[in-house]
C-alpha cells in the first residue's frame, strides 16, 4: 500500500496530462486535479479500502487533523464516521502541498496558464523528486 506522500505524488503524476490544453490558475490547479474525487466524495469507492489507507497513514492522519483545525477552524469529517471523505480531504491538501512546492507553480502562482505537455512534464518531474508532504 502506498504511503500518503506516494499516493498524492502518484495522483498528480498519473493525472496531470489529462488537463493539458486547458487554462488554469496555478494557485488553484491542485483543486482541478482533485475535482473528480472531491465531487464523488471518495478516492477509492470503498469504505473498507479508504479505512485501510487511513490505517496505513495514521501518523499523517494526525498531522492532517491538526492542519485542518488550524487552517479551517474546524474538522470537516471524522475519519471513523466517513473514512472516504476524510481521505479525499487529506489527498486534496497533500496534492496542494506538493504542487505548491513546485518551483514552476511557485513562479507562476498568480498566473492563468494553458497547461502544455512541457509544463505538465516539468511539474510531474518536480513532484516525482519530492520526499514528503508538509502541511
N, C-alpha and C. Protein backbone atom coordinates (compact mmCIF):
# COMPACT_ATOMS: atom_id res chain seq x y z
N UNK A 1 0.85 -1.17 0.00
CA UNK A 1 0.00 0.00 0.00
C UNK A 1 0.90 1.24 0.00
N UNK A 2 0.53 2.21 -0.80
CA UNK A 2 1.31 3.44 -0.91
C UNK A 2 1.23 4.27 0.37
N UNK A 3 2.32 4.98 0.64
CA UNK A 3 2.29 5.95 1.72
C UNK A 3 1.45 7.13 1.27
N UNK A 4 1.13 7.99 2.21
CA UNK A 4 0.36 9.21 1.91
C UNK A 4 1.07 10.04 0.84
N UNK A 5 2.35 10.27 1.02
CA UNK A 5 3.11 11.06 0.05
C UNK A 5 3.14 10.37 -1.31
N UNK A 6 3.39 9.08 -1.34
CA UNK A 6 3.42 8.34 -2.61
C UNK A 6 2.07 8.40 -3.31
N UNK A 7 0.99 8.27 -2.54
CA UNK A 7 -0.35 8.30 -3.13
C UNK A 7 -0.61 9.65 -3.80
N UNK A 8 -0.31 10.73 -3.10
CA UNK A 8 -0.54 12.07 -3.64
C UNK A 8 0.36 12.34 -4.84
N UNK A 9 1.61 11.93 -4.74
CA UNK A 9 2.52 12.10 -5.88
C UNK A 9 2.01 11.33 -7.09
N UNK A 10 1.61 10.10 -6.88
CA UNK A 10 1.09 9.28 -7.98
C UNK A 10 -0.14 9.90 -8.60
N UNK A 11 -1.01 10.44 -7.76
CA UNK A 11 -2.22 11.07 -8.30
C UNK A 11 -1.86 12.22 -9.23
N UNK A 12 -0.95 13.06 -8.81
CA UNK A 12 -0.54 14.20 -9.64
C UNK A 12 0.10 13.71 -10.93
N UNK A 13 1.08 12.84 -10.81
CA UNK A 13 1.83 12.36 -11.97
C UNK A 13 0.93 11.60 -12.95
N UNK A 14 0.01 10.80 -12.42
CA UNK A 14 -0.86 9.99 -13.27
C UNK A 14 -1.98 10.78 -13.94
N UNK A 15 -2.36 11.93 -13.38
CA UNK A 15 -3.50 12.67 -13.94
C UNK A 15 -3.15 13.99 -14.60
N UNK A 16 -1.97 14.52 -14.37
CA UNK A 16 -1.67 15.88 -14.83
C UNK A 16 -1.83 16.05 -16.35
N UNK A 17 -1.49 15.03 -17.10
CA UNK A 17 -1.59 15.16 -18.56
C UNK A 17 -3.04 15.15 -19.06
N UNK A 18 -3.96 14.73 -18.22
CA UNK A 18 -5.38 14.79 -18.58
C UNK A 18 -5.88 16.22 -18.69
N UNK A 19 -5.13 17.16 -18.15
CA UNK A 19 -5.55 18.56 -18.11
C UNK A 19 -4.83 19.44 -19.13
N UNK A 20 -4.00 18.83 -19.93
CA UNK A 20 -3.27 19.57 -20.98
C UNK A 20 -4.28 20.17 -21.95
N UNK A 21 -4.01 21.42 -22.33
CA UNK A 21 -4.84 22.10 -23.32
C UNK A 21 -5.85 23.07 -22.72
N UNK A 22 -6.01 23.05 -21.41
CA UNK A 22 -6.95 23.96 -20.76
C UNK A 22 -6.18 24.97 -19.92
N UNK A 23 -6.86 26.07 -19.59
CA UNK A 23 -6.26 27.15 -18.81
C UNK A 23 -6.56 26.98 -17.33
N UNK A 24 -5.55 27.23 -16.51
CA UNK A 24 -5.69 27.12 -15.05
C UNK A 24 -4.86 28.18 -14.37
N UNK A 25 -5.37 28.66 -13.24
CA UNK A 25 -4.53 29.44 -12.35
C UNK A 25 -3.69 28.43 -11.58
N UNK A 26 -2.41 28.65 -11.56
CA UNK A 26 -1.52 27.70 -10.90
C UNK A 26 -1.83 27.59 -9.42
N UNK A 27 -2.28 28.67 -8.78
CA UNK A 27 -2.61 28.62 -7.35
C UNK A 27 -3.80 27.69 -7.09
N UNK A 28 -4.62 27.48 -8.09
CA UNK A 28 -5.82 26.65 -7.93
C UNK A 28 -5.72 25.30 -8.63
N UNK A 29 -4.61 25.02 -9.25
CA UNK A 29 -4.51 23.81 -10.07
C UNK A 29 -4.74 22.53 -9.27
N UNK A 30 -4.30 22.52 -8.01
CA UNK A 30 -4.49 21.31 -7.20
C UNK A 30 -5.97 20.97 -7.06
N UNK A 31 -6.82 21.98 -7.04
CA UNK A 31 -8.25 21.72 -6.90
C UNK A 31 -8.85 21.18 -8.20
N UNK A 32 -8.23 21.52 -9.30
CA UNK A 32 -8.68 20.97 -10.59
C UNK A 32 -8.37 19.48 -10.67
N UNK A 33 -7.14 19.11 -10.31
CA UNK A 33 -6.76 17.70 -10.48
C UNK A 33 -7.34 16.78 -9.40
N UNK A 34 -7.98 17.37 -8.40
CA UNK A 34 -8.64 16.56 -7.38
C UNK A 34 -10.16 16.74 -7.42
N UNK A 35 -10.65 17.43 -8.42
CA UNK A 35 -12.08 17.73 -8.51
C UNK A 35 -12.93 16.47 -8.61
N UNK A 36 -12.49 15.47 -9.35
CA UNK A 36 -13.27 14.25 -9.52
C UNK A 36 -13.49 13.55 -8.18
N UNK A 37 -12.43 13.39 -7.41
CA UNK A 37 -12.59 12.73 -6.12
C UNK A 37 -13.39 13.59 -5.15
N UNK A 38 -13.22 14.88 -5.23
CA UNK A 38 -13.97 15.78 -4.36
C UNK A 38 -15.46 15.72 -4.68
N UNK A 39 -15.80 15.74 -5.96
CA UNK A 39 -17.21 15.67 -6.36
C UNK A 39 -17.86 14.34 -5.98
N UNK A 40 -17.08 13.28 -6.04
CA UNK A 40 -17.61 11.95 -5.72
C UNK A 40 -17.53 11.62 -4.23
N UNK A 41 -16.74 12.40 -3.49
CA UNK A 41 -16.61 12.16 -2.05
C UNK A 41 -15.78 10.94 -1.71
N UNK A 42 -14.99 10.48 -2.66
CA UNK A 42 -14.18 9.29 -2.43
C UNK A 42 -13.02 9.21 -3.42
N UNK A 43 -11.95 8.60 -2.96
CA UNK A 43 -10.81 8.28 -3.84
C UNK A 43 -10.88 6.81 -4.25
N UNK A 44 -11.52 6.01 -3.42
CA UNK A 44 -11.44 4.55 -3.55
C UNK A 44 -12.75 3.87 -3.94
N UNK A 45 -13.87 4.56 -3.77
CA UNK A 45 -15.20 3.97 -3.96
C UNK A 45 -15.36 2.72 -3.10
N UNK A 46 -14.69 2.75 -1.93
CA UNK A 46 -14.76 1.63 -1.00
C UNK A 46 -14.44 2.14 0.41
N UNK A 47 -15.40 2.03 1.29
CA UNK A 47 -15.17 2.42 2.68
C UNK A 47 -14.05 1.58 3.30
N UNK A 48 -14.07 0.29 3.01
CA UNK A 48 -13.05 -0.61 3.58
C UNK A 48 -11.65 -0.25 3.09
N UNK A 49 -11.51 0.03 1.81
CA UNK A 49 -10.20 0.39 1.28
C UNK A 49 -9.73 1.74 1.81
N UNK A 50 -10.65 2.70 1.89
CA UNK A 50 -10.28 4.01 2.46
C UNK A 50 -9.82 3.83 3.91
N UNK A 51 -10.49 2.98 4.65
CA UNK A 51 -10.09 2.71 6.04
C UNK A 51 -8.70 2.09 6.10
N UNK A 52 -8.39 1.20 5.17
CA UNK A 52 -7.05 0.59 5.12
C UNK A 52 -5.99 1.65 4.86
N UNK A 53 -6.27 2.56 3.92
CA UNK A 53 -5.32 3.65 3.67
C UNK A 53 -5.12 4.48 4.92
N UNK A 54 -6.20 4.86 5.57
CA UNK A 54 -6.07 5.70 6.76
C UNK A 54 -5.31 4.99 7.87
N UNK A 55 -5.48 3.68 8.00
CA UNK A 55 -4.68 2.93 8.98
C UNK A 55 -3.20 3.00 8.63
N UNK A 56 -2.90 2.85 7.34
CA UNK A 56 -1.51 2.93 6.87
C UNK A 56 -0.95 4.33 7.09
N UNK A 57 -1.78 5.34 6.94
CA UNK A 57 -1.37 6.73 7.02
C UNK A 57 -1.63 7.33 8.41
N UNK A 58 -1.76 6.53 9.44
CA UNK A 58 -2.25 7.00 10.72
C UNK A 58 -1.52 8.24 11.24
N UNK A 59 -0.21 8.27 11.18
CA UNK A 59 0.51 9.46 11.68
C UNK A 59 0.22 10.67 10.78
N UNK A 60 0.07 10.44 9.49
CA UNK A 60 -0.30 11.53 8.58
C UNK A 60 -1.72 12.02 8.85
N UNK A 61 -2.61 11.10 9.24
CA UNK A 61 -3.97 11.49 9.61
C UNK A 61 -3.96 12.48 10.77
N UNK A 62 -3.11 12.22 11.75
CA UNK A 62 -2.99 13.13 12.88
C UNK A 62 -2.45 14.48 12.46
N UNK A 63 -1.46 14.47 11.57
CA UNK A 63 -0.90 15.73 11.05
C UNK A 63 -1.99 16.50 10.31
N UNK A 64 -2.76 15.80 9.49
CA UNK A 64 -3.83 16.45 8.74
C UNK A 64 -4.91 16.98 9.69
N UNK A 65 -5.24 16.21 10.74
CA UNK A 65 -6.25 16.63 11.72
C UNK A 65 -5.87 18.00 12.31
N UNK A 66 -4.62 18.13 12.70
CA UNK A 66 -4.12 19.40 13.26
C UNK A 66 -4.13 20.51 12.20
N UNK A 67 -3.71 20.18 10.99
CA UNK A 67 -3.69 21.14 9.89
C UNK A 67 -5.10 21.67 9.61
N UNK A 68 -6.06 20.76 9.56
CA UNK A 68 -7.43 21.15 9.25
C UNK A 68 -7.98 22.10 10.32
N UNK A 69 -7.76 21.78 11.57
CA UNK A 69 -8.24 22.63 12.66
C UNK A 69 -7.57 24.00 12.62
N UNK A 70 -6.26 24.02 12.40
CA UNK A 70 -5.51 25.28 12.39
C UNK A 70 -5.86 26.16 11.19
N UNK A 71 -6.13 25.55 10.04
CA UNK A 71 -6.35 26.32 8.82
C UNK A 71 -7.82 26.57 8.48
N UNK A 72 -8.70 25.70 8.93
CA UNK A 72 -10.11 25.84 8.58
C UNK A 72 -10.99 26.11 9.80
N UNK A 73 -10.41 26.01 10.99
CA UNK A 73 -11.13 26.31 12.21
C UNK A 73 -12.03 25.19 12.72
N UNK A 74 -12.15 24.14 11.95
CA UNK A 74 -12.99 23.02 12.34
C UNK A 74 -12.60 21.78 11.55
N UNK A 75 -13.15 20.67 11.95
CA UNK A 75 -12.92 19.42 11.23
C UNK A 75 -14.13 19.14 10.35
N UNK A 76 -13.89 18.96 9.07
CA UNK A 76 -14.98 18.71 8.13
C UNK A 76 -15.54 17.30 8.27
N UNK A 77 -14.66 16.34 8.49
CA UNK A 77 -15.07 14.94 8.55
C UNK A 77 -14.31 14.21 9.65
N UNK A 78 -14.97 13.23 10.21
CA UNK A 78 -14.35 12.36 11.20
C UNK A 78 -13.90 11.09 10.47
N UNK A 79 -12.64 10.72 10.58
CA UNK A 79 -12.15 9.54 9.84
C UNK A 79 -12.84 8.24 10.24
N UNK A 80 -13.41 8.20 11.43
CA UNK A 80 -14.11 6.99 11.87
C UNK A 80 -15.52 6.92 11.29
N UNK A 81 -16.16 8.07 11.15
CA UNK A 81 -17.52 8.12 10.61
C UNK A 81 -17.55 8.05 9.09
N UNK A 82 -16.60 8.71 8.45
CA UNK A 82 -16.60 8.78 6.98
C UNK A 82 -15.16 8.74 6.46
N UNK A 83 -14.54 7.56 6.47
CA UNK A 83 -13.14 7.46 6.05
C UNK A 83 -12.92 7.89 4.61
N UNK A 84 -13.89 7.68 3.75
CA UNK A 84 -13.71 8.07 2.35
C UNK A 84 -13.61 9.58 2.21
N UNK A 85 -14.49 10.31 2.87
CA UNK A 85 -14.45 11.78 2.79
C UNK A 85 -13.18 12.33 3.45
N UNK A 86 -12.77 11.72 4.57
CA UNK A 86 -11.56 12.17 5.25
C UNK A 86 -10.34 11.96 4.34
N UNK A 87 -10.30 10.82 3.66
CA UNK A 87 -9.19 10.53 2.75
C UNK A 87 -9.17 11.54 1.61
N UNK A 88 -10.34 11.88 1.07
CA UNK A 88 -10.40 12.87 -0.01
C UNK A 88 -9.79 14.18 0.45
N UNK A 89 -10.21 14.65 1.62
CA UNK A 89 -9.67 15.92 2.14
C UNK A 89 -8.16 15.85 2.33
N UNK A 90 -7.69 14.73 2.85
CA UNK A 90 -6.24 14.56 3.01
C UNK A 90 -5.52 14.62 1.67
N UNK A 91 -6.04 13.94 0.66
CA UNK A 91 -5.38 13.90 -0.65
C UNK A 91 -5.41 15.27 -1.31
N UNK A 92 -6.52 15.98 -1.20
CA UNK A 92 -6.58 17.33 -1.77
C UNK A 92 -5.49 18.20 -1.15
N UNK A 93 -5.39 18.19 0.16
CA UNK A 93 -4.37 19.02 0.83
C UNK A 93 -2.95 18.51 0.56
N UNK A 94 -2.79 17.20 0.45
CA UNK A 94 -1.48 16.65 0.11
C UNK A 94 -1.04 17.06 -1.28
N UNK A 95 -1.95 17.00 -2.23
CA UNK A 95 -1.63 17.43 -3.60
C UNK A 95 -1.35 18.93 -3.63
N UNK A 96 -2.12 19.69 -2.86
CA UNK A 96 -1.87 21.14 -2.78
C UNK A 96 -0.48 21.43 -2.23
N UNK A 97 -0.09 20.68 -1.21
CA UNK A 97 1.23 20.86 -0.62
C UNK A 97 2.34 20.56 -1.64
N UNK A 98 2.21 19.45 -2.32
CA UNK A 98 3.24 19.06 -3.30
C UNK A 98 3.30 20.05 -4.45
N UNK A 99 2.15 20.42 -4.99
CA UNK A 99 2.16 21.34 -6.13
C UNK A 99 2.67 22.72 -5.73
N UNK A 100 2.33 23.18 -4.53
CA UNK A 100 2.81 24.49 -4.11
C UNK A 100 4.31 24.49 -3.85
N UNK A 101 4.90 23.31 -3.67
CA UNK A 101 6.35 23.21 -3.50
C UNK A 101 7.09 23.17 -4.84
N UNK A 102 6.36 23.03 -5.93
CA UNK A 102 6.97 23.01 -7.26
C UNK A 102 7.48 24.41 -7.61
N UNK A 103 8.70 24.50 -8.06
CA UNK A 103 9.25 25.81 -8.42
C UNK A 103 8.49 26.42 -9.60
N UNK A 104 8.03 25.59 -10.53
CA UNK A 104 7.25 26.11 -11.65
C UNK A 104 5.95 26.72 -11.15
N UNK A 105 5.24 26.01 -10.30
CA UNK A 105 3.97 26.51 -9.77
C UNK A 105 4.21 27.77 -8.95
N UNK A 106 5.26 27.77 -8.12
CA UNK A 106 5.57 28.96 -7.33
C UNK A 106 5.84 30.16 -8.23
N UNK A 107 6.62 29.95 -9.27
CA UNK A 107 6.99 31.04 -10.19
C UNK A 107 5.78 31.61 -10.91
N UNK A 108 4.78 30.78 -11.17
CA UNK A 108 3.60 31.21 -11.93
C UNK A 108 2.32 31.20 -11.08
N UNK A 109 2.48 31.31 -9.77
CA UNK A 109 1.40 31.17 -8.81
C UNK A 109 0.16 32.00 -9.17
N UNK A 110 0.34 33.25 -9.51
CA UNK A 110 -0.78 34.16 -9.77
C UNK A 110 -1.16 34.25 -11.24
N UNK A 111 -0.64 33.34 -12.04
CA UNK A 111 -0.90 33.40 -13.48
C UNK A 111 -1.89 32.33 -13.93
N UNK A 112 -2.65 32.69 -14.95
CA UNK A 112 -3.53 31.73 -15.61
C UNK A 112 -2.78 31.28 -16.85
N UNK A 113 -2.48 29.99 -16.91
CA UNK A 113 -1.68 29.44 -18.00
C UNK A 113 -2.45 28.32 -18.70
N UNK A 114 -2.12 28.14 -19.97
CA UNK A 114 -2.59 26.97 -20.68
C UNK A 114 -1.61 25.86 -20.37
N UNK A 115 -2.11 24.78 -19.80
CA UNK A 115 -1.23 23.66 -19.46
C UNK A 115 -0.82 22.94 -20.75
N UNK A 116 0.48 22.88 -20.97
CA UNK A 116 1.02 22.19 -22.14
C UNK A 116 1.67 20.89 -21.67
N UNK A 117 1.99 20.03 -22.62
CA UNK A 117 2.71 18.80 -22.27
C UNK A 117 4.03 19.11 -21.59
N UNK A 118 4.71 20.15 -22.06
CA UNK A 118 6.00 20.52 -21.49
C UNK A 118 5.86 20.97 -20.04
N UNK A 119 4.84 21.80 -19.78
CA UNK A 119 4.62 22.26 -18.41
C UNK A 119 4.23 21.08 -17.52
N UNK A 120 3.34 20.24 -18.01
CA UNK A 120 2.92 19.06 -17.24
C UNK A 120 4.11 18.16 -16.94
N UNK A 121 4.99 17.96 -17.93
CA UNK A 121 6.18 17.14 -17.72
C UNK A 121 7.09 17.75 -16.65
N UNK A 122 7.26 19.08 -16.70
CA UNK A 122 8.13 19.76 -15.74
C UNK A 122 7.57 19.64 -14.32
N UNK A 123 6.28 19.88 -14.16
CA UNK A 123 5.67 19.77 -12.83
C UNK A 123 5.74 18.34 -12.34
N UNK A 124 5.40 17.38 -13.19
CA UNK A 124 5.43 15.96 -12.80
C UNK A 124 6.84 15.54 -12.38
N UNK A 125 7.85 16.01 -13.11
CA UNK A 125 9.24 15.66 -12.77
C UNK A 125 9.63 16.23 -11.41
N UNK A 126 9.20 17.46 -11.14
CA UNK A 126 9.49 18.06 -9.83
C UNK A 126 8.79 17.28 -8.72
N UNK A 127 7.53 16.98 -8.92
CA UNK A 127 6.76 16.25 -7.89
C UNK A 127 7.37 14.88 -7.64
N UNK A 128 7.83 14.22 -8.69
CA UNK A 128 8.41 12.88 -8.56
C UNK A 128 9.62 12.88 -7.63
N UNK A 129 10.33 13.99 -7.54
CA UNK A 129 11.54 14.09 -6.71
C UNK A 129 11.25 14.47 -5.26
N UNK A 130 10.01 14.84 -4.97
CA UNK A 130 9.68 15.29 -3.61
C UNK A 130 9.59 14.11 -2.65
N UNK A 131 10.04 14.35 -1.43
CA UNK A 131 10.11 13.29 -0.44
C UNK A 131 8.98 13.27 0.57
N UNK A 132 8.37 14.42 0.82
CA UNK A 132 7.33 14.47 1.85
C UNK A 132 6.35 15.58 1.63
N UNK A 133 5.22 15.41 2.25
CA UNK A 133 4.17 16.44 2.25
C UNK A 133 4.33 17.25 3.53
N UNK A 134 4.31 18.56 3.37
CA UNK A 134 4.39 19.45 4.51
C UNK A 134 3.09 20.23 4.61
N UNK A 135 2.33 19.92 5.64
CA UNK A 135 1.06 20.62 5.83
C UNK A 135 1.22 21.71 6.86
